N, C-alpha and C. Protein backbone atom coordinates (compact mmCIF):
# COMPACT_ATOMS: atom_id res chain seq x y z
N MET A 1 157.11 117.03 287.47
CA MET A 1 156.56 118.20 288.14
C MET A 1 155.23 117.81 288.77
N LYS A 2 155.10 118.07 290.04
CA LYS A 2 153.89 117.74 290.77
C LYS A 2 152.92 118.92 290.71
N ILE A 3 151.68 118.66 290.32
CA ILE A 3 150.68 119.71 290.20
C ILE A 3 149.85 119.75 291.47
N ASN A 4 149.71 120.91 292.01
CA ASN A 4 148.96 121.12 293.24
C ASN A 4 147.46 121.01 292.95
N LYS A 5 146.76 120.15 293.68
CA LYS A 5 145.32 119.96 293.46
C LYS A 5 144.54 121.23 293.77
N ARG A 6 144.99 121.97 294.75
CA ARG A 6 144.30 123.22 295.11
C ARG A 6 144.40 124.23 293.96
N LEU A 7 145.56 124.31 293.34
CA LEU A 7 145.76 125.21 292.21
C LEU A 7 144.84 124.84 291.05
N ILE A 8 144.72 123.55 290.80
CA ILE A 8 143.83 123.09 289.73
C ILE A 8 142.39 123.47 290.04
N SER A 9 141.97 123.32 291.29
CA SER A 9 140.60 123.67 291.69
C SER A 9 140.34 125.16 291.51
N VAL A 10 141.30 125.97 291.96
CA VAL A 10 141.15 127.43 291.83
C VAL A 10 141.08 127.83 290.37
N MET A 11 141.95 127.28 289.55
CA MET A 11 141.95 127.60 288.13
C MET A 11 140.65 127.15 287.47
N GLY A 12 140.17 125.98 287.84
CA GLY A 12 138.90 125.49 287.29
C GLY A 12 137.75 126.41 287.64
N CYS A 13 137.70 126.86 288.90
CA CYS A 13 136.65 127.78 289.32
C CYS A 13 136.74 129.11 288.56
N ALA A 14 137.96 129.58 288.37
CA ALA A 14 138.16 130.84 287.64
C ALA A 14 137.65 130.73 286.21
N VAL A 15 137.93 129.61 285.58
CA VAL A 15 137.46 129.39 284.20
C VAL A 15 135.93 129.34 284.17
N LEU A 16 135.33 128.60 285.09
CA LEU A 16 133.86 128.51 285.12
C LEU A 16 133.23 129.87 285.39
N LEU A 17 133.79 130.62 286.31
CA LEU A 17 133.26 131.95 286.62
C LEU A 17 133.35 132.86 285.40
N SER A 18 134.46 132.82 284.69
CA SER A 18 134.60 133.67 283.51
C SER A 18 133.61 133.28 282.42
N LEU A 19 133.30 132.01 282.31
CA LEU A 19 132.32 131.56 281.31
C LEU A 19 130.93 132.04 281.65
N THR A 20 130.54 131.97 282.92
CA THR A 20 129.19 132.41 283.30
C THR A 20 129.07 133.91 283.20
N THR A 21 130.13 134.65 283.51
CA THR A 21 130.10 136.10 283.36
C THR A 21 129.92 136.48 281.90
N GLY A 22 130.61 135.81 281.01
CA GLY A 22 130.48 136.07 279.58
C GLY A 22 129.08 135.79 279.09
N CYS A 23 128.46 134.74 279.59
CA CYS A 23 127.08 134.40 279.19
C CYS A 23 126.12 135.48 279.64
N ALA A 24 126.29 135.98 280.85
CA ALA A 24 125.41 137.03 281.36
C ALA A 24 125.53 138.28 280.51
N THR A 25 126.75 138.64 280.12
CA THR A 25 126.97 139.82 279.29
C THR A 25 126.31 139.65 277.93
N ARG A 26 126.46 138.49 277.34
CA ARG A 26 125.84 138.26 276.03
C ARG A 26 124.32 138.32 276.13
N THR A 27 123.74 137.86 277.25
CA THR A 27 122.29 137.91 277.43
C THR A 27 121.82 139.36 277.46
N VAL A 28 122.53 140.20 278.22
CA VAL A 28 122.17 141.61 278.30
C VAL A 28 122.31 142.25 276.93
N ASP A 29 123.41 141.98 276.25
CA ASP A 29 123.61 142.55 274.92
C ASP A 29 122.52 142.10 273.96
N LYS A 30 122.12 140.84 274.05
CA LYS A 30 121.07 140.32 273.17
C LYS A 30 119.75 141.02 273.47
N HIS A 31 119.44 141.21 274.75
CA HIS A 31 118.20 141.89 275.13
C HIS A 31 118.22 143.34 274.63
N ALA A 32 119.34 144.01 274.83
CA ALA A 32 119.47 145.40 274.37
C ALA A 32 119.35 145.47 272.85
N ARG A 33 119.99 144.52 272.16
CA ARG A 33 119.92 144.50 270.69
C ARG A 33 118.48 144.28 270.23
N ASN A 34 117.77 143.39 270.91
CA ASN A 34 116.37 143.15 270.55
C ASN A 34 115.52 144.40 270.76
N MET A 35 115.73 145.09 271.88
CA MET A 35 114.98 146.33 272.12
C MET A 35 115.35 147.38 271.08
N ALA A 36 116.63 147.47 270.75
CA ALA A 36 117.08 148.47 269.77
C ALA A 36 116.50 148.21 268.39
N GLY A 37 116.10 146.98 268.14
CA GLY A 37 115.49 146.66 266.85
C GLY A 37 114.24 147.47 266.58
N SER A 38 113.50 147.82 267.65
CA SER A 38 112.29 148.62 267.45
C SER A 38 112.62 150.07 267.12
N CYS A 39 113.85 150.48 267.38
CA CYS A 39 114.29 151.85 267.06
C CYS A 39 114.74 151.96 265.60
N ALA A 40 115.07 150.81 265.01
CA ALA A 40 115.69 150.79 263.68
C ALA A 40 114.80 151.36 262.58
N ALA A 41 113.50 151.24 262.71
CA ALA A 41 112.61 151.72 261.66
C ALA A 41 112.82 153.21 261.38
N CYS A 42 113.08 153.98 262.42
CA CYS A 42 113.29 155.42 262.24
C CYS A 42 114.76 155.82 262.37
N HIS A 43 115.48 155.18 263.30
CA HIS A 43 116.84 155.59 263.63
C HIS A 43 117.91 154.75 262.94
N GLY A 44 117.51 153.80 262.10
CA GLY A 44 118.45 152.98 261.36
C GLY A 44 119.01 151.83 262.16
N THR A 45 119.60 150.88 261.45
CA THR A 45 120.20 149.71 262.08
C THR A 45 121.30 150.14 263.03
N ASN A 46 121.21 149.67 264.26
CA ASN A 46 122.19 149.99 265.32
C ASN A 46 122.33 151.49 265.56
N GLY A 47 121.28 152.24 265.24
CA GLY A 47 121.29 153.67 265.51
C GLY A 47 121.95 154.53 264.46
N HIS A 48 122.28 153.95 263.31
CA HIS A 48 122.91 154.69 262.21
C HIS A 48 121.82 155.21 261.27
N SER A 49 121.21 156.31 261.63
CA SER A 49 120.11 156.89 260.87
C SER A 49 120.59 157.42 259.52
N VAL A 50 119.78 157.16 258.49
CA VAL A 50 120.06 157.72 257.17
C VAL A 50 118.96 158.68 256.75
N GLY A 51 117.96 158.81 257.60
CA GLY A 51 116.83 159.69 257.30
C GLY A 51 116.85 160.92 258.20
N GLY A 52 115.66 161.40 258.49
CA GLY A 52 115.53 162.60 259.30
C GLY A 52 115.61 162.39 260.79
N ALA A 53 115.54 161.14 261.25
CA ALA A 53 115.61 160.86 262.69
C ALA A 53 117.05 161.00 263.18
N PRO A 54 117.22 161.41 264.43
CA PRO A 54 118.58 161.57 264.97
C PRO A 54 119.38 160.27 264.98
N VAL A 55 120.68 160.39 264.81
CA VAL A 55 121.60 159.25 264.92
C VAL A 55 121.73 158.91 266.40
N LEU A 56 121.56 157.64 266.74
CA LEU A 56 121.70 157.19 268.12
C LEU A 56 123.07 156.55 268.37
N ALA A 57 123.70 156.06 267.32
CA ALA A 57 125.00 155.39 267.44
C ALA A 57 126.04 156.34 268.02
N GLY A 58 126.73 155.89 269.07
CA GLY A 58 127.77 156.69 269.69
C GLY A 58 127.28 157.79 270.61
N LEU A 59 125.97 157.84 270.85
CA LEU A 59 125.39 158.89 271.68
C LEU A 59 125.81 158.71 273.14
N ASP A 60 126.07 159.81 273.83
CA ASP A 60 126.43 159.79 275.25
C ASP A 60 125.31 159.12 276.06
N LYS A 61 125.69 158.21 276.95
CA LYS A 61 124.71 157.44 277.72
C LYS A 61 123.79 158.33 278.56
N THR A 62 124.38 159.28 279.27
CA THR A 62 123.58 160.16 280.14
C THR A 62 122.60 160.98 279.32
N TYR A 63 123.05 161.50 278.21
CA TYR A 63 122.18 162.29 277.34
C TYR A 63 121.02 161.43 276.84
N PHE A 64 121.32 160.21 276.38
CA PHE A 64 120.29 159.30 275.88
C PHE A 64 119.23 159.04 276.95
N ILE A 65 119.68 158.69 278.15
CA ILE A 65 118.74 158.37 279.24
C ILE A 65 117.89 159.59 279.59
N THR A 66 118.51 160.76 279.67
CA THR A 66 117.76 161.98 279.98
C THR A 66 116.69 162.26 278.94
N GLN A 67 117.04 162.13 277.67
CA GLN A 67 116.07 162.38 276.61
C GLN A 67 114.91 161.39 276.67
N MET A 68 115.23 160.12 276.89
CA MET A 68 114.17 159.10 276.96
C MET A 68 113.24 159.34 278.14
N LYS A 69 113.80 159.72 279.28
CA LYS A 69 112.96 160.03 280.45
C LYS A 69 112.10 161.26 280.18
N ASP A 70 112.66 162.24 279.49
CA ASP A 70 111.88 163.44 279.14
C ASP A 70 110.76 163.11 278.16
N PHE A 71 111.01 162.22 277.21
CA PHE A 71 109.93 161.78 276.31
C PHE A 71 108.84 161.07 277.12
N LYS A 72 109.26 160.21 278.01
CA LYS A 72 108.31 159.41 278.80
C LYS A 72 107.44 160.30 279.69
N SER A 73 108.04 161.32 280.31
CA SER A 73 107.30 162.20 281.21
C SER A 73 106.49 163.26 280.47
N GLY A 74 106.83 163.49 279.21
CA GLY A 74 106.17 164.54 278.44
C GLY A 74 106.90 165.86 278.49
N ALA A 75 108.04 165.92 279.20
CA ALA A 75 108.84 167.15 279.27
C ALA A 75 109.40 167.51 277.90
N ARG A 76 109.64 166.51 277.06
CA ARG A 76 110.07 166.74 275.68
C ARG A 76 109.00 166.16 274.77
N GLN A 77 108.52 166.96 273.85
CA GLN A 77 107.43 166.54 272.97
C GLN A 77 107.95 166.03 271.63
N ALA A 78 107.36 164.94 271.19
CA ALA A 78 107.63 164.37 269.87
C ALA A 78 106.44 163.51 269.48
N THR A 79 106.15 163.46 268.22
CA THR A 79 104.96 162.75 267.74
C THR A 79 104.93 161.29 268.17
N ILE A 80 106.01 160.57 267.96
CA ILE A 80 106.03 159.13 268.23
C ILE A 80 106.75 158.80 269.53
N MET A 81 107.83 159.51 269.82
CA MET A 81 108.70 159.12 270.94
C MET A 81 108.02 159.19 272.30
N ASN A 82 107.06 160.10 272.49
CA ASN A 82 106.38 160.16 273.79
C ASN A 82 105.66 158.85 274.09
N LYS A 83 104.99 158.30 273.11
CA LYS A 83 104.29 157.03 273.30
C LYS A 83 105.28 155.87 273.37
N HIS A 84 106.28 155.89 272.52
CA HIS A 84 107.25 154.81 272.45
C HIS A 84 108.03 154.68 273.77
N ALA A 85 108.45 155.80 274.34
CA ALA A 85 109.26 155.79 275.56
C ALA A 85 108.49 155.25 276.77
N LYS A 86 107.18 155.40 276.75
CA LYS A 86 106.38 154.91 277.88
C LYS A 86 106.41 153.39 278.01
N GLY A 87 106.85 152.70 276.98
CA GLY A 87 106.92 151.24 277.01
C GLY A 87 108.20 150.70 277.64
N TYR A 88 109.09 151.57 278.11
CA TYR A 88 110.37 151.13 278.65
C TYR A 88 110.55 151.57 280.10
N SER A 89 111.27 150.75 280.86
CA SER A 89 111.62 151.09 282.24
C SER A 89 112.94 151.86 282.25
N ASP A 90 113.29 152.42 283.39
CA ASP A 90 114.57 153.11 283.52
C ASP A 90 115.74 152.16 283.28
N GLU A 91 115.59 150.91 283.72
CA GLU A 91 116.64 149.91 283.51
C GLU A 91 116.81 149.63 282.02
N GLU A 92 115.70 149.58 281.29
CA GLU A 92 115.78 149.35 279.84
C GLU A 92 116.38 150.56 279.13
N PHE A 93 116.08 151.77 279.62
CA PHE A 93 116.73 152.96 279.05
C PHE A 93 118.24 152.84 279.20
N ALA A 94 118.70 152.37 280.37
CA ALA A 94 120.14 152.22 280.62
C ALA A 94 120.75 151.17 279.69
N LEU A 95 120.05 150.06 279.48
CA LEU A 95 120.54 149.03 278.55
C LEU A 95 120.66 149.59 277.14
N LEU A 96 119.63 150.30 276.71
CA LEU A 96 119.66 150.90 275.37
C LEU A 96 120.77 151.94 275.26
N ALA A 97 120.95 152.73 276.31
CA ALA A 97 122.01 153.75 276.31
C ALA A 97 123.38 153.09 276.15
N ASP A 98 123.60 152.00 276.87
CA ASP A 98 124.87 151.26 276.74
C ASP A 98 125.04 150.72 275.33
N PHE A 99 123.96 150.16 274.80
CA PHE A 99 124.01 149.57 273.46
C PHE A 99 124.37 150.63 272.42
N PHE A 100 123.62 151.73 272.41
CA PHE A 100 123.86 152.75 271.38
C PHE A 100 125.20 153.46 271.57
N ALA A 101 125.63 153.66 272.80
CA ALA A 101 126.93 154.30 273.05
C ALA A 101 128.07 153.45 272.49
N ALA A 102 127.88 152.14 272.47
CA ALA A 102 128.92 151.23 271.98
C ALA A 102 128.97 151.13 270.46
N GLN A 103 127.95 151.63 269.79
CA GLN A 103 127.91 151.57 268.32
C GLN A 103 128.76 152.69 267.76
N LYS A 104 129.53 152.37 266.75
CA LYS A 104 130.41 153.39 266.14
C LYS A 104 130.08 153.57 264.68
């Protein structure tokens, strides 16, 4: 059976592309996980709160982002969250929203 060189090239490129895409996803997940670590003191590991703070695990992404923006702007008042939210960008809110929504 004769193997087509073009087919081998295309398959090789597809494999390399899939590997780089996977690396990029893991980097984003790692960054989100690192940011979420600062939430763990009150909201529990991966957003599974066992205390009085709200559970973040499984939270709707849009709701999470809206609440964080409201904390940041002062539209929603909370002792710690108003200051904490000011340290994040909208892009970081989105990363955190994705991270917590994926937690079950």
